[in-house]
Amino acid sequence: MLPRQTGAPRANRIDALSTPNRELCVRKKSAPTWVLTAAHCVESFGERLPLDRATARVGSARNDGGEVVGLKRVLQHPDYGRPGPNERTGIALVERAEPVAVQPIPIASSTPPIGAPARSIGWGRTCAKDTEVNCVNPSRELKQLDTSVASPKECARITADPHELRIRSQEPGGTTCFGDSGSPQIAKIDGRWRLLGPLSRSGSVSGSTDCEDPGASYADLSAHRAWISQHTG
């Protein structure tokens, strides 16, 4: 993520998902033992997340500290379509091996209107081009970016999914980037933070390694509350 701020509201509610070799994605807590993420975050080169070697870190706005717990189950949404023209319903649930004390952030009950203020949070790459000197990937500190809900016409990469949320950065030079996948988009609704959805993809042209487009697409969780509740209670 290329923002101007570090830290994040309710940062202790955000998990960093990792394996021994690398941090994979960011996830948002949906229940004491469950977390939400992007569906592609639980796959690696076509293979399912290795639960025996993966962990979730919670309670820290840095890539150390906090509480680290194991994982025991992964559930992709049954309607998930992999990245490409037919990409859709890009959400997954990951169950921790044990509960944590921090309470989850509630899911928004409806989609905010176009123009509504929101906020992106993530650990992704902090430079627009991976050729930049001293490019940090992933970020060592949790980042945040002021955004707003956008029209689908404002995003460079459009799919057939009717339940995607388009987001646009409100900060000059700010955007999501590689490593931000699965990270939460949140909004303050009636004075309280609510979870809108996990990052599916940035607005960059498919195949590009640059992060210069201010747009991004998120799964709209308000459309999937029933499936989430079915599994998390």
Protein backbone atom coordinates (compact mmCIF):
# COMPACT_ATOMS: atom_id res chain seq x y z
CA MET A 1 0.00 0.00 0.00
CA LEU A 2 1.23 3.45 -0.91
CA PRO A 3 -0.39 5.78 1.67
CA ARG A 4 0.83 8.67 3.73
CA GLN A 5 -0.06 7.17 7.14
CA THR A 6 0.98 4.26 9.31
CA GLY A 7 -1.19 2.46 11.81
CA ALA A 8 -4.89 1.86 11.43
CA PRO A 9 -8.15 2.11 13.38
CA ARG A 10 -8.83 -1.15 15.21
CA ALA A 11 -5.47 -2.50 14.04
CA ASN A 12 -5.58 -5.23 16.66
CA ARG A 13 -8.51 -6.76 14.80
CA ILE A 14 -6.44 -7.45 11.68
CA ASP A 15 -4.60 -10.71 11.04
CA ALA A 16 -1.49 -11.23 8.93
CA LEU A 17 -1.52 -14.65 7.28
CA SER A 18 1.88 -16.21 6.66
CA THR A 19 3.86 -19.36 5.97
CA PRO A 20 7.50 -19.95 7.02
CA ASN A 21 8.72 -18.44 3.74
CA ARG A 22 6.56 -15.38 3.28
CA GLU A 23 3.60 -13.34 4.37
CA LEU A 24 0.75 -14.14 2.02
CA CYS A 25 -2.20 -11.92 2.71
CA VAL A 26 -4.03 -9.84 5.26
CA ARG A 27 -7.23 -11.08 6.78
CA LYS A 28 -9.99 -9.50 8.84
CA LYS A 29 -11.46 -11.13 11.89
CA SER A 30 -15.11 -12.13 11.57
CA ALA A 31 -15.51 -14.14 14.80
CA PRO A 32 -13.24 -15.16 17.72
CA THR A 33 -12.05 -18.25 15.82
CA TRP A 34 -12.65 -17.15 12.21
CA VAL A 35 -11.12 -14.66 9.82
CA LEU A 36 -12.18 -13.43 6.39
CA THR A 37 -9.84 -13.03 3.45
CA ALA A 38 -9.81 -13.00 -0.35
CA ALA A 39 -10.39 -16.43 -1.87
CA HIS A 40 -7.15 -16.36 -3.86
CA CYS A 41 -5.22 -15.78 -0.62
CA VAL A 42 -5.82 -19.36 0.47
CA GLU A 43 -4.29 -20.73 -2.71
CA SER A 44 -0.67 -20.72 -3.86
CA PHE A 45 0.11 -21.71 -7.43
CA GLY A 46 -3.16 -23.64 -7.56
CA GLU A 47 -2.60 -25.45 -4.26
CA ARG A 48 -4.51 -24.92 -1.01
CA LEU A 49 -2.95 -23.02 1.88
CA PRO A 50 -0.66 -25.41 3.85
CA LEU A 51 -2.43 -25.34 7.21
CA ASP A 52 0.32 -27.27 8.99
CA ARG A 53 2.78 -24.46 8.23
CA ALA A 54 0.58 -21.35 8.15
CA THR A 55 -0.13 -19.00 11.05
CA ALA A 56 -2.15 -15.87 11.79
CA ARG A 57 -0.75 -12.94 13.76
CA VAL A 58 -3.21 -10.66 15.56
CA GLY A 59 -2.86 -7.74 17.96
CA SER A 60 0.07 -5.91 16.38
CA ALA A 61 0.41 -3.08 13.86
CA ARG A 62 3.90 -4.35 12.98
CA ASN A 63 5.15 -7.58 11.43
CA ASP A 64 6.20 -8.83 14.85
CA GLY A 65 4.66 -8.99 18.32
CA GLY A 66 1.02 -9.67 19.02
CA GLU A 67 -0.40 -13.17 19.23
CA VAL A 68 0.46 -15.92 16.71
CA VAL A 69 -1.94 -18.86 16.34
CA GLY A 70 -2.19 -21.86 14.03
CA LEU A 71 -4.91 -22.55 11.48
CA LYS A 72 -7.08 -25.62 11.04
CA ARG A 73 -9.66 -25.14 8.27
CA VAL A 74 -10.22 -23.19 5.05
CA LEU A 75 -13.58 -22.58 3.37
CA GLN A 76 -13.77 -20.87 -0.01
CA HIS A 77 -17.15 -19.57 -1.10
CA PRO A 78 -18.76 -22.26 -3.32
CA ASP A 79 -19.40 -19.70 -6.08
CA TYR A 80 -15.79 -18.51 -6.21
CA GLY A 81 -14.43 -17.95 -9.72
CA ARG A 82 -10.66 -17.67 -10.00
CA PRO A 83 -8.92 -14.48 -11.25
CA GLY A 84 -9.79 -13.73 -14.85
CA PRO A 85 -12.87 -12.66 -16.83
CA ASN A 86 -15.12 -14.94 -14.77
CA GLU A 87 -13.72 -13.93 -11.38
CA ARG A 88 -16.47 -13.67 -8.77
CA THR A 89 -17.35 -14.16 -5.09
CA GLY A 90 -13.71 -13.86 -4.03
CA ILE A 91 -14.03 -14.54 -0.31
CA ALA A 92 -12.84 -17.29 2.01
CA LEU A 93 -13.07 -18.12 5.71
CA VAL A 94 -10.11 -19.47 7.65
CA GLU A 95 -10.62 -21.03 11.07
CA ARG A 96 -7.97 -20.57 13.73
CA ALA A 97 -6.82 -23.51 15.80
CA GLU A 98 -7.84 -21.58 18.92
CA PRO A 99 -9.82 -18.42 19.70
CA VAL A 100 -8.27 -15.04 20.44
CA ALA A 101 -9.48 -12.44 22.91
CA VAL A 102 -9.85 -9.52 20.48
CA GLN A 103 -13.40 -9.00 19.27
CA PRO A 104 -14.15 -8.87 15.52
CA ILE A 105 -15.36 -5.82 13.64
CA PRO A 106 -19.00 -6.13 12.46
CA ILE A 107 -19.78 -6.56 8.77
CA ALA A 108 -21.68 -3.70 7.15
CA SER A 109 -25.35 -4.50 6.63
CA SER A 110 -25.50 -2.77 3.24
CA THR A 111 -23.30 -1.27 0.55
CA PRO A 112 -22.41 2.39 1.15
CA PRO A 113 -23.43 4.82 -1.61
CA ILE A 114 -21.02 6.03 -4.29
CA GLY A 115 -18.88 8.79 -2.85
CA ALA A 116 -19.08 7.56 0.75
CA PRO A 117 -15.74 7.85 2.63
CA ALA A 118 -13.94 4.62 3.49
CA ARG A 119 -10.48 3.38 4.41
CA SER A 120 -8.07 0.75 3.10
CA ILE A 121 -5.70 -1.08 5.46
CA GLY A 122 -2.84 -3.38 4.51
CA TRP A 123 0.76 -4.62 4.63
CA GLY A 124 1.46 -4.45 0.89
CA ARG A 125 4.36 -3.11 -1.14
CA THR A 126 5.15 0.54 -0.43
CA CYS A 127 6.45 1.60 -3.85
CA ALA A 128 4.64 2.00 -7.17
CA LYS A 129 7.30 0.09 -9.14
CA ASP A 130 9.18 -2.98 -7.93
CA THR A 131 12.35 -1.58 -9.54
CA GLU A 132 12.48 1.35 -7.12
CA VAL A 133 15.48 1.51 -4.79
CA ASN A 134 14.74 0.45 -1.19
CA CYS A 135 11.31 -0.86 -2.15
CA VAL A 136 9.75 -2.44 0.96
CA ASN A 137 7.65 -5.54 0.27
CA PRO A 138 5.78 -6.31 2.42
CA SER A 139 5.55 -3.27 4.64
CA ARG A 140 6.95 -3.66 8.15
CA GLU A 141 4.10 -1.57 9.53
CA LEU A 142 0.38 -1.66 8.89
CA LYS A 143 -0.65 1.13 6.52
CA GLN A 144 -3.91 2.94 5.94
CA LEU A 145 -5.29 4.95 3.05
CA ASP A 146 -8.29 7.28 2.83
CA THR A 147 -10.63 6.16 0.04
CA SER A 148 -14.18 6.51 -1.19
CA VAL A 149 -16.75 4.18 -2.76
CA ALA A 150 -16.52 4.52 -6.55
CA SER A 151 -18.61 3.75 -9.59
CA PRO A 152 -17.77 0.50 -11.44
CA LYS A 153 -16.88 2.65 -14.46
CA GLU A 154 -13.93 4.10 -12.51
CA CYS A 155 -12.07 0.77 -12.25
CA ALA A 156 -9.67 -0.45 -14.91
CA ARG A 157 -10.27 -4.17 -14.29
CA ILE A 158 -13.93 -5.09 -14.33
CA THR A 159 -15.40 -8.58 -13.92
CA ALA A 160 -18.89 -9.97 -14.22
CA ASP A 161 -19.35 -10.14 -10.43
CA PRO A 162 -22.34 -7.96 -9.45
CA HIS A 163 -21.25 -8.06 -5.81
CA GLU A 164 -17.96 -6.25 -6.07
CA LEU A 165 -17.23 -2.97 -4.34
CA ARG A 166 -15.19 -0.42 -6.30
CA ILE A 167 -12.93 1.81 -4.24
CA ARG A 168 -10.84 4.83 -5.23
CA SER A 169 -7.98 6.44 -3.30
CA GLN A 170 -8.49 9.98 -2.03
CA GLU A 171 -4.78 10.57 -1.40
CA PRO A 172 -2.40 11.74 -4.17
CA GLY A 173 -0.17 8.82 -5.11
CA GLY A 174 -2.02 6.47 -2.80
CA THR A 175 -3.14 3.02 -3.92
CA THR A 176 -3.23 -0.64 -2.96
CA CYS A 177 -0.41 -2.88 -4.15
CA PHE A 178 0.96 -6.42 -4.14
CA GLY A 179 0.73 -7.91 -0.66
CA ASP A 180 -2.47 -6.01 0.18
CA SER A 181 -4.66 -8.84 -1.12
CA GLY A 182 -7.30 -9.87 1.39
CA SER A 183 -6.84 -6.66 3.35
CA PRO A 184 -9.97 -4.95 4.68
CA GLN A 185 -11.89 -2.00 3.38
CA ILE A 186 -13.70 -0.40 6.30
CA ALA A 187 -16.03 2.54 6.74
CA LYS A 188 -17.41 4.48 9.66
CA ILE A 189 -21.19 4.02 9.58
CA ASP A 190 -23.34 5.72 12.22
CA GLY A 191 -20.19 6.51 14.17
CA ARG A 192 -18.80 2.93 14.25
CA TRP A 193 -16.31 1.13 12.03
CA ARG A 194 -17.78 -1.57 9.81
CA LEU A 195 -16.12 -4.10 7.50
CA LEU A 196 -17.03 -3.67 3.82
CA GLY A 197 -14.91 -6.43 2.29
CA PRO A 198 -11.47 -7.92 1.50
CA LEU A 199 -9.31 -6.68 -1.39
CA SER A 200 -9.69 -8.83 -4.49
CA ARG A 201 -7.33 -6.93 -6.80
CA SER A 202 -5.82 -3.54 -7.47
CA GLY A 203 -6.90 -1.42 -10.41
CA SER A 204 -3.66 -1.98 -12.32
CA VAL A 205 -3.80 -3.52 -15.78
CA SER A 206 -3.67 -7.32 -15.63
CA GLY A 207 -0.09 -8.59 -15.84
CA SER A 208 1.49 -5.29 -14.77
CA THR A 209 3.82 -5.17 -11.77
CA ASP A 210 3.22 -1.44 -11.27
CA CYS A 211 0.85 0.00 -8.66
CA GLU A 212 -0.17 3.38 -10.02
CA ASP A 213 -3.93 3.12 -10.55
CA PRO A 214 -5.91 4.66 -7.64
CA GLY A 215 -8.78 2.19 -8.04
CA ALA A 216 -9.29 -1.25 -6.52
CA SER A 217 -11.97 -3.93 -6.24
CA TYR A 218 -13.22 -5.58 -3.03
CA ALA A 219 -15.71 -8.35 -2.42
CA ASP A 220 -18.88 -6.76 -1.05
CA LEU A 221 -19.52 -8.73 2.16
CA SER A 222 -22.97 -7.28 2.69
CA ALA A 223 -24.11 -9.58 -0.15
CA HIS A 224 -22.61 -12.66 1.55
CA ARG A 225 -23.66 -12.25 5.17
CA ALA A 226 -25.85 -15.38 5.13
CA TRP A 227 -23.01 -17.65 3.94
CA ILE A 228 -20.61 -16.16 6.49
CA SER A 229 -23.09 -16.54 9.36
CA GLN A 230 -23.84 -20.12 8.32
CA HIS A 231 -20.26 -21.09 9.13
CA THR A 232 -19.20 -18.65 11.85
CA GLY A 233 -22.43 -18.51 13.84
